[in-house]
PDB file of N, CA and C in Angstrom:
ATOM      1  N   MET A   1    -102.659 217.884-175.420  1.00  0.00           N
ATOM      2  CA  MET A   1    -102.640 216.454-175.613  1.00  0.00           C
ATOM      3  C   MET A   1    -101.965 215.756-174.435  1.00  0.00           C
ATOM      4  N   GLY A   2    -100.916 216.378-173.901  1.00  0.00           N
ATOM      5  CA  GLY A   2    -100.212 215.786-172.763  1.00  0.00           C
ATOM      6  C   GLY A   2    -101.106 215.643-171.548  1.00  0.00           C
ATOM      7  N   THR A   3    -102.001 216.596-171.348  1.00  0.00           N
ATOM      8  CA  THR A   3    -102.908 216.545-170.203  1.00  0.00           C
ATOM      9  C   THR A   3    -103.863 215.367-170.324  1.00  0.00           C
ATOM     10  N   ILE A   4    -104.342 215.099-171.512  1.00  0.00           N
ATOM     11  CA  ILE A   4    -105.248 213.969-171.719  1.00  0.00           C
ATOM     12  C   ILE A   4    -104.505 212.649-171.487  1.00  0.00           C
ATOM     13  N   LEU A   5    -103.288 212.554-171.990  1.00  0.00           N
ATOM     14  CA  LEU A   5    -102.506 211.336-171.778  1.00  0.00           C
ATOM     15  C   LEU A   5    -102.168 211.141-170.299  1.00  0.00           C
ATOM     16  N   ASP A   6    -101.874 212.237-169.603  1.00  0.00           N
ATOM     17  CA  ASP A   6    -101.627 212.138-168.162  1.00  0.00           C
ATOM     18  C   ASP A   6    -102.865 211.648-167.435  1.00  0.00           C
ATOM     19  N   PHE A   7    -104.028 212.104-167.861  1.00  0.00           N
ATOM     20  CA  PHE A   7    -105.280 211.682-167.236  1.00  0.00           C
ATOM     21  C   PHE A   7    -105.547 210.210-167.493  1.00  0.00           C
ATOM     22  N   LEU A   8    -105.334 209.770-168.706  1.00  0.00           N
ATOM     23  CA  LEU A   8    -105.638 208.384-169.058  1.00  0.00           C
ATOM     24  C   LEU A   8    -104.621 207.389-168.500  1.00  0.00           C
ATOM     25  N   PHE A   9    -103.361 207.731-168.556  1.00  0.00           N
ATOM     26  CA  PHE A   9    -102.314 206.777-168.193  1.00  0.00           C
ATOM     27  C   PHE A   9    -101.535 207.154-166.938  1.00  0.00           C
ATOM     28  N   GLY A  10    -101.838 208.283-166.354  1.00  0.00           N
ATOM     29  CA  GLY A  10    -101.124 208.738-165.169  1.00  0.00           C
ATOM     30  C   GLY A  10     -99.855 209.487-165.520  1.00  0.00           C
ATOM     31  N   LYS A  11     -99.428 210.319-164.613  1.00  0.00           N
ATOM     32  CA  LYS A  11     -98.209 211.090-164.827  1.00  0.00           C
ATOM     33  C   LYS A  11     -97.001 210.232-164.495  1.00  0.00           C
ATOM     34  N   SER A  12     -95.919 210.479-165.177  1.00  0.00           N
ATOM     35  CA  SER A  12     -94.687 209.772-164.851  1.00  0.00           C
ATOM     36  C   SER A  12     -94.127 210.345-163.556  1.00  0.00           C
ATOM     37  N   PRO A  13     -93.574 209.492-162.710  1.00  0.00           N
ATOM     38  CA  PRO A  13     -93.060 209.999-161.433  1.00  0.00           C
ATOM     39  C   PRO A  13     -91.859 210.895-161.637  1.00  0.00           C
ATOM     40  N   LYS A  14     -91.766 211.928-160.838  1.00  0.00           N
ATOM     41  CA  LYS A  14     -90.662 212.882-160.954  1.00  0.00           C
ATOM     42  C   LYS A  14     -89.628 212.608-159.865  1.00  0.00           C
ATOM     43  N   ILE A  15     -89.304 211.328-159.660  1.00  0.00           N
ATOM     44  CA  ILE A  15     -88.343 210.987-158.616  1.00  0.00           C
ATOM     45  C   ILE A  15     -86.996 210.589-159.193  1.00  0.00           C
ATOM     46  N   PHE A  16     -86.865 210.549-160.522  1.00  0.00           N
ATOM     47  CA  PHE A  16     -85.612 210.142-161.142  1.00  0.00           C
ATOM     48  C   PHE A  16     -84.867 211.351-161.682  1.00  0.00           C
ATOM     49  N   ASP A  17     -83.552 211.342-161.500  1.00  0.00           N
ATOM     50  CA  ASP A  17     -82.753 212.413-162.081  1.00  0.00           C
ATOM     51  C   ASP A  17     -82.343 212.036-163.505  1.00  0.00           C
ATOM     52  N   LYS A  18     -81.510 212.851-164.134  1.00  0.00           N
ATOM     53  CA  LYS A  18     -81.152 212.603-165.531  1.00  0.00           C
ATOM     54  C   LYS A  18     -80.292 211.354-165.709  1.00  0.00           C
ATOM     55  N   ASN A  19     -79.687 210.862-164.615  1.00  0.00           N
ATOM     56  CA  ASN A  19     -78.881 209.642-164.675  1.00  0.00           C
ATOM     57  C   ASN A  19     -79.702 208.381-164.381  1.00  0.00           C
ATOM     58  N   GLY A  20     -80.983 208.559-164.090  1.00  0.00           N
ATOM     59  CA  GLY A  20     -81.841 207.423-163.801  1.00  0.00           C
ATOM     60  C   GLY A  20     -81.829 206.990-162.348  1.00  0.00           C
ATOM     61  N   LYS A  21     -81.164 207.750-161.484  1.00  0.00           N
ATOM     62  CA  LYS A  21     -81.115 207.423-160.065  1.00  0.00           C
ATOM     63  C   LYS A  21     -82.288 208.087-159.361  1.00  0.00           C
ATOM     64  N   VAL A  22     -82.747 207.447-158.282  1.00  0.00           N
ATOM     65  CA  VAL A  22     -83.872 207.986-157.530  1.00  0.00           C
ATOM     66  C   VAL A  22     -83.416 209.242-156.799  1.00  0.00           C
ATOM     67  N   ARG A  23     -84.207 210.281-156.924  1.00  0.00           N
ATOM     68  CA  ARG A  23     -83.926 211.566-156.292  1.00  0.00           C
ATOM     69  C   ARG A  23     -85.139 211.929-155.442  1.00  0.00           C
ATOM     70  N   HIS A  24     -84.912 212.238-154.206  1.00  0.00           N
ATOM     71  CA  HIS A  24     -85.999 212.597-153.304  1.00  0.00           C
ATOM     72  C   HIS A  24     -85.876 214.057-152.901  1.00  0.00           C
ATOM     73  N   GLU A  25     -86.968 214.589-152.427  1.00  0.00           N
ATOM     74  CA  GLU A  25     -87.013 215.986-152.028  1.00  0.00           C
ATOM     75  C   GLU A  25     -86.446 216.201-150.622  1.00  0.00           C
ATOM     76  N   LEU A  26     -86.207 215.128-149.875  1.00  0.00           N
ATOM     77  CA  LEU A  26     -85.728 215.277-148.511  1.00  0.00           C
ATOM     78  C   LEU A  26     -84.231 215.554-148.481  1.00  0.00           C
ATOM     79  N   LYS A  27     -83.798 216.207-147.413  1.00  0.00           N
ATOM     80  CA  LYS A  27     -82.381 216.526-147.256  1.00  0.00           C
ATOM     81  C   LYS A  27     -81.624 215.257-146.867  1.00  0.00           C
ATOM     82  N   LYS A  28     -80.318 215.247-147.129  1.00  0.00           N
ATOM     83  CA  LYS A  28     -79.491 214.079-146.798  1.00  0.00           C
ATOM     84  C   LYS A  28     -79.527 213.778-145.307  1.00  0.00           C
ATOM     85  N   GLU A  29     -79.615 214.811-144.482  1.00  0.00           N
ATOM     86  CA  GLU A  29     -79.645 214.609-143.036  1.00  0.00           C
ATOM     87  C   GLU A  29     -80.893 213.833-142.612  1.00  0.00           C
ATOM     88  N   GLN A  30     -82.032 214.132-143.220  1.00  0.00           N
ATOM     89  CA  GLN A  30     -83.261 213.415-142.893  1.00  0.00           C
ATOM     90  C   GLN A  30     -83.170 211.952-143.308  1.00  0.00           C
ATOM     91  N   TRP A  31     -82.573 211.676-144.465  1.00  0.00           N
ATOM     92  CA  TRP A  31     -82.407 210.286-144.906  1.00  0.00           C
ATOM     93  C   TRP A  31     -81.439 209.551-144.002  1.00  0.00           C
ATOM     94  N   ALA A  32     -80.380 210.214-143.561  1.00  0.00           N
ATOM     95  CA  ALA A  32     -79.415 209.584-142.659  1.00  0.00           C
ATOM     96  C   ALA A  32     -80.075 209.231-141.338  1.00  0.00           C
ATOM     97  N   ASN A  33     -80.914 210.113-140.803  1.00  0.00           N
ATOM     98  CA  ASN A  33     -81.631 209.831-139.560  1.00  0.00           C
ATOM     99  C   ASN A  33     -82.573 208.650-139.729  1.00  0.00           C
ATOM    100  N   TRP A  34     -83.249 208.578-140.859  1.00  0.00           N
ATOM    101  CA  TRP A  34     -84.167 207.476-141.121  1.00  0.00           C
ATOM    102  C   TRP A  34     -83.406 206.159-141.230  1.00  0.00           C
ATOM    103  N   ASP A  35     -82.278 206.176-141.912  1.00  0.00           N
ATOM    104  CA  ASP A  35     -81.477 204.974-142.078  1.00  0.00           C
ATOM    105  C   ASP A  35     -80.895 204.510-140.747  1.00  0.00           C
ATOM    106  N   ASN A  36     -80.413 205.440-139.938  1.00  0.00           N
ATOM    107  CA  ASN A  36     -79.846 205.091-138.634  1.00  0.00           C
ATOM    108  C   ASN A  36     -80.886 204.513-137.698  1.00  0.00           C
ATOM    109  N   ARG A  37     -82.129 204.920-137.847  1.00  0.00           N
ATOM    110  CA  ARG A  37     -83.191 204.390-137.008  1.00  0.00           C
ATOM    111  C   ARG A  37     -83.293 202.877-137.170  1.00  0.00           C
ATOM    112  N   TYR A  38     -83.172 202.399-138.387  1.00  0.00           N
ATOM    113  CA  TYR A  38     -83.277 200.966-138.636  1.00  0.00           C
ATOM    114  C   TYR A  38     -82.008 200.215-138.281  1.00  0.00           C
ATOM    115  N   GLN A  39     -80.884 200.862-138.306  1.00  0.00           N
ATOM    116  CA  GLN A  39     -79.640 200.168-138.004  1.00  0.00           C
ATOM    117  C   GLN A  39     -79.281 200.204-136.528  1.00  0.00           C
ATOM    118  N   GLN A  40     -79.749 201.216-135.810  1.00  0.00           N
ATOM    119  CA  GLN A  40     -79.361 201.359-134.416  1.00  0.00           C
ATOM    120  C   GLN A  40     -80.512 201.168-133.444  1.00  0.00           C
ATOM    121  N   GLY A  41     -81.748 201.268-133.896  1.00  0.00           N
ATOM    122  CA  GLY A  41     -82.891 201.139-133.006  1.00  0.00           C
ATOM    123  C   GLY A  41     -83.193 199.682-132.691  1.00  0.00           C
ATOM    124  N   SER A  42     -83.218 199.322-131.409  1.00  0.00           N
ATOM    125  CA  SER A  42     -83.457 197.932-131.023  1.00  0.00           C
ATOM    126  C   SER A  42     -84.888 197.498-131.337  1.00  0.00           C
ATOM    127  N   GLU A  43     -85.819 198.412-131.389  1.00  0.00           N
ATOM    128  CA  GLU A  43     -87.208 198.038-131.678  1.00  0.00           C
ATOM    129  C   GLU A  43     -87.390 197.604-133.125  1.00  0.00           C
ATOM    130  N   TYR A  44     -86.440 197.925-133.999  1.00  0.00           N
ATOM    131  CA  TYR A  44     -86.514 197.523-135.404  1.00  0.00           C
ATOM    132  C   TYR A  44     -85.614 196.329-135.721  1.00  0.00           C
ATOM    133  N   ASN A  45     -84.930 195.791-134.717  1.00  0.00           N
ATOM    134  CA  ASN A  45     -84.020 194.683-134.927  1.00  0.00           C
ATOM    135  C   ASN A  45     -84.827 193.391-135.085  1.00  0.00           C
ATOM    136  N   TRP A  46     -84.698 192.710-136.214  1.00  0.00           N
ATOM    137  CA  TRP A  46     -85.471 191.506-136.476  1.00  0.00           C
ATOM    138  C   TRP A  46     -85.082 190.377-135.537  1.00  0.00           C
ATOM    139  N   ARG A  47     -83.897 190.426-134.951  1.00  0.00           N
ATOM    140  CA  ARG A  47     -83.479 189.375-134.030  1.00  0.00           C
ATOM    141  C   ARG A  47     -84.286 189.398-132.744  1.00  0.00           C
ATOM    142  N   ASN A  48     -84.929 190.526-132.442  1.00  0.00           N
ATOM    143  CA  ASN A  48     -85.745 190.641-131.237  1.00  0.00           C
ATOM    144  C   ASN A  48     -87.203 190.281-131.491  1.00  0.00           C
ATOM    145  N   HIS A  49     -87.549 189.909-132.698  1.00  0.00           N
ATOM    146  CA  HIS A  49     -88.930 189.600-133.046  1.00  0.00           C
ATOM    147  C   HIS A  49     -89.381 188.333-132.328  1.00  0.00           C
ATOM    148  N   THR A  50     -90.607 188.317-131.830  1.00  0.00           N
ATOM    149  CA  THR A  50     -91.084 187.172-131.058  1.00  0.00           C
ATOM    150  C   THR A  50     -91.211 185.911-131.899  1.00  0.00           C
ATOM    151  N   GLY A  51     -91.349 186.047-133.198  1.00  0.00           N
ATOM    152  CA  GLY A  51     -91.434 184.876-134.061  1.00  0.00           C
ATOM    153  C   GLY A  51     -90.138 184.094-134.137  1.00  0.00           C
ATOM    154  N   THR A  52     -89.024 184.739-133.811  1.00  0.00           N
ATOM    155  CA  THR A  52     -87.741 184.032-133.827  1.00  0.00           C
ATOM    156  C   THR A  52     -87.527 183.218-132.564  1.00  0.00           C
ATOM    157  N   LYS A  53     -88.410 183.345-131.600  1.00  0.00           N
ATOM    158  CA  LYS A  53     -88.277 182.629-130.343  1.00  0.00           C
ATOM    159  C   LYS A  53     -89.311 181.510-130.227  1.00  0.00           C
ATOM    160  N   ALA A  54     -89.681 180.929-131.353  1.00  0.00           N
ATOM    161  CA  ALA A  54     -90.731 179.911-131.375  1.00  0.00           C
ATOM    162  C   ALA A  54     -90.310 178.613-130.696  1.00  0.00           C
ATOM    163  N   ASN A  55     -89.038 178.277-130.668  1.00  0.00           N
ATOM    164  CA  ASN A  55     -88.583 177.025-130.071  1.00  0.00           C
ATOM    165  C   ASN A  55     -88.343 177.132-128.578  1.00  0.00           C
ATOM    166  N   ILE A  56     -88.481 178.292-128.011  1.00  0.00           N
ATOM    167  CA  ILE A  56     -88.275 178.480-126.578  1.00  0.00           C
ATOM    168  C   ILE A  56     -89.534 178.053-125.846  1.00  0.00           C
ATOM    169  N   ASP A  57     -89.375 177.261-124.786  1.00  0.00           N
ATOM    170  CA  ASP A  57     -90.517 176.777-124.014  1.00  0.00           C
ATOM    171  C   ASP A  57     -91.168 177.963-123.300  1.00  0.00           C
ATOM    172  N   SER A  58     -92.447 178.156-123.542  1.00  0.00           N
ATOM    173  CA  SER A  58     -93.151 179.277-122.952  1.00  0.00           C
ATOM    174  C   SER A  58     -93.735 178.950-121.586  1.00  0.00           C
ATOM    175  N   GLY A  59     -93.638 177.691-121.179  1.00  0.00           N
ATOM    176  CA  GLY A  59     -94.185 177.293-119.884  1.00  0.00           C
ATOM    177  C   GLY A  59     -95.623 176.829-119.973  1.00  0.00           C
ATOM    178  N   LYS A  60     -96.221 176.936-121.136  1.00  0.00           N
ATOM    179  CA  LYS A  60     -97.604 176.485-121.331  1.00  0.00           C
ATOM    180  C   LYS A  60     -97.604 175.022-121.681  1.00  0.00           C
ATOM    181  N   THR A  61     -98.603 174.306-121.206  1.00  0.00           N
ATOM    182  CA  THR A  61     -98.712 172.875-121.525  1.00  0.00           C
ATOM    183  C   THR A  61     -99.934 172.599-122.328  1.00  0.00           C
TER     184      THR A  61
END
């Protein structure tokens, strides 16, 4: 019966632990590297986005 219900309604995700917190299969080191990429990488810094420089004169008339 469980297989039919899984087919009809989809399987529940297995990403939560018994406390209800999200649990991933990746190691803590991989998550730390991913997080540091966004905090230290200048290419991901939103302050460098070209849309934030809309009021700067581009020299075009």
